[in-house]
């Protein structure tokens, strides 16, 4: 038997259940943001980015959530930026050594 408190304000009779995102989605998002912040340190940015991509991909296999998608996107962006910075820093170092 339903109680009147179970019916949402819209009156449709459907009760929506909010599900928590998997922990791996939050880890992926956190590491993705960290990889973007640390992209000027190529080793740190690439490591955080790769681990973030892995964690976000695992979470997307379990549940399609915004945190998982956000983690995947930010991790990819951070990894790409880190690779670009690594190439620029390496090129600058080689020019300096001439």
Foldseek 3Di string as FASTA:
>chain_A
DDDPVQADPVRPNDHDDDDDQDPLLQLLLVLLVVLQVCLLVLVSNQVSLVSSLVSLVVSVVVPDDPSSVNSNVSSVVSNVSSVVNVVVVVVVVVVVVD
